[in-house]
Amino acid sequence: MNDDEFDELVDDATHAVNDLIPDRYLDSLSPDERSNLLVQINDALTPILRDLIGWEPED
């Protein structure tokens, strides 16, 4: 898996997790807060997926 494929996997997983959060919790967030939430989800999933698939960044 190359870097772009890994990034796409993480992005897809991030949006999948975000889609599971009920709108009633997201409706009160500003656009910046929503963006920050996506970044936090992405940051949390990256090491989990890296360890799961044994991915190493390309040099």
C-alpha atoms as a PDB file:
ATOM      1  CA  MET A   1       0.000   0.000   0.000  1.00  0.00           C
ATOM      2  CA  ASN A   2       1.457   3.363  -0.969  1.00  0.00           C
ATOM      3  CA  ASP A   3       1.081   6.652   0.930  1.00  0.00           C
ATOM      4  CA  ASP A   4      -1.850   7.843  -1.177  1.00  0.00           C
ATOM      5  CA  GLU A   5      -3.740   4.588  -0.682  1.00  0.00           C
ATOM      6  CA  PHE A   6      -3.153   4.720   3.071  1.00  0.00           C
ATOM      7  CA  ASP A   7      -4.306   8.352   3.219  1.00  0.00           C
ATOM      8  CA  GLU A   8      -7.451   7.413   1.308  1.00  0.00           C
ATOM      9  CA  LEU A   9      -8.113   4.519   3.703  1.00  0.00           C
ATOM     10  CA  VAL A  10      -7.748   6.814   6.724  1.00  0.00           C
ATOM     11  CA  ASP A  11      -9.967   9.484   5.125  1.00  0.00           C
ATOM     12  CA  ASP A  12     -12.658   6.925   4.281  1.00  0.00           C
ATOM     13  CA  ALA A  13     -12.563   5.516   7.812  1.00  0.00           C
ATOM     14  CA  THR A  14     -12.672   9.026   9.284  1.00  0.00           C
ATOM     15  CA  HIS A  15     -15.784   9.936   7.328  1.00  0.00           C
ATOM     16  CA  ALA A  16     -17.395   6.590   8.153  1.00  0.00           C
ATOM     17  CA  VAL A  17     -16.919   7.233  11.879  1.00  0.00           C
ATOM     18  CA  ASN A  18     -18.183  10.798  11.501  1.00  0.00           C
ATOM     19  CA  ASP A  19     -21.282   9.506   9.699  1.00  0.00           C
ATOM     20  CA  LEU A  20     -22.103   7.333  12.725  1.00  0.00           C
ATOM     21  CA  ILE A  21     -22.378  10.349  15.036  1.00  0.00           C
ATOM     22  CA  PRO A  22     -26.021  11.418  15.313  1.00  0.00           C
ATOM     23  CA  ASP A  23     -26.771  14.810  13.777  1.00  0.00           C
ATOM     24  CA  ARG A  24     -28.164  16.079  17.069  1.00  0.00           C
ATOM     25  CA  TYR A  25     -24.591  16.147  18.403  1.00  0.00           C
ATOM     26  CA  LEU A  26     -23.087  17.688  15.293  1.00  0.00           C
ATOM     27  CA  ASP A  27     -25.741  20.355  14.689  1.00  0.00           C
ATOM     28  CA  SER A  28     -24.466  22.518  17.529  1.00  0.00           C
ATOM     29  CA  LEU A  29     -20.897  22.554  16.181  1.00  0.00           C
ATOM     30  CA  SER A  30     -19.544  25.448  14.169  1.00  0.00           C
ATOM     31  CA  PRO A  31     -17.819  24.693  10.850  1.00  0.00           C
ATOM     32  CA  ASP A  32     -14.434  25.050  12.583  1.00  0.00           C
ATOM     33  CA  GLU A  33     -15.493  22.660  15.350  1.00  0.00           C
ATOM     34  CA  ARG A  34     -16.707  20.121  12.777  1.00  0.00           C
ATOM     35  CA  SER A  35     -13.415  20.380  10.952  1.00  0.00           C
ATOM     36  CA  ASN A  36     -11.533  19.947  14.235  1.00  0.00           C
ATOM     37  CA  LEU A  37     -13.626  16.867  15.020  1.00  0.00           C
ATOM     38  CA  LEU A  38     -12.653  15.310  11.676  1.00  0.00           C
ATOM     39  CA  VAL A  39      -8.988  16.045  12.379  1.00  0.00           C
ATOM     40  CA  GLN A  40      -9.264  14.428  15.820  1.00  0.00           C
ATOM     41  CA  ILE A  41     -10.955  11.324  14.384  1.00  0.00           C
ATOM     42  CA  ASN A  42      -8.309  11.148  11.639  1.00  0.00           C
ATOM     43  CA  ASP A  43      -5.503  11.502  14.172  1.00  0.00           C
ATOM     44  CA  ALA A  44      -6.995   8.743  16.333  1.00  0.00           C
ATOM     45  CA  LEU A  45      -7.515   6.325  13.445  1.00  0.00           C
ATOM     46  CA  THR A  46      -4.128   6.782  11.772  1.00  0.00           C
ATOM     47  CA  PRO A  47      -2.018   4.826  14.296  1.00  0.00           C
ATOM     48  CA  ILE A  48      -4.727   2.180  14.707  1.00  0.00           C
ATOM     49  CA  LEU A  49      -4.889   1.512  10.965  1.00  0.00           C
ATOM     50  CA  ARG A  50      -1.107   1.751  10.623  1.00  0.00           C
ATOM     51  CA  ASP A  51      -0.659  -0.964  13.255  1.00  0.00           C
ATOM     52  CA  LEU A  52      -3.511  -3.077  11.889  1.00  0.00           C
ATOM     53  CA  ILE A  53      -2.148  -3.312   8.360  1.00  0.00           C
ATOM     54  CA  GLY A  54       1.534  -2.892   9.178  1.00  0.00           C
ATOM     55  CA  TRP A  55       1.838   0.178   6.967  1.00  0.00           C
ATOM     56  CA  GLU A  56       5.100   2.103   6.800  1.00  0.00           C
ATOM     57  CA  PRO A  57       5.358   5.501   5.052  1.00  0.00           C
ATOM     58  CA  GLU A  58       7.259   5.610   1.814  1.00  0.00           C
ATOM     59  CA  ASP A  59      10.688   7.262   1.947  1.00  0.00           C
END
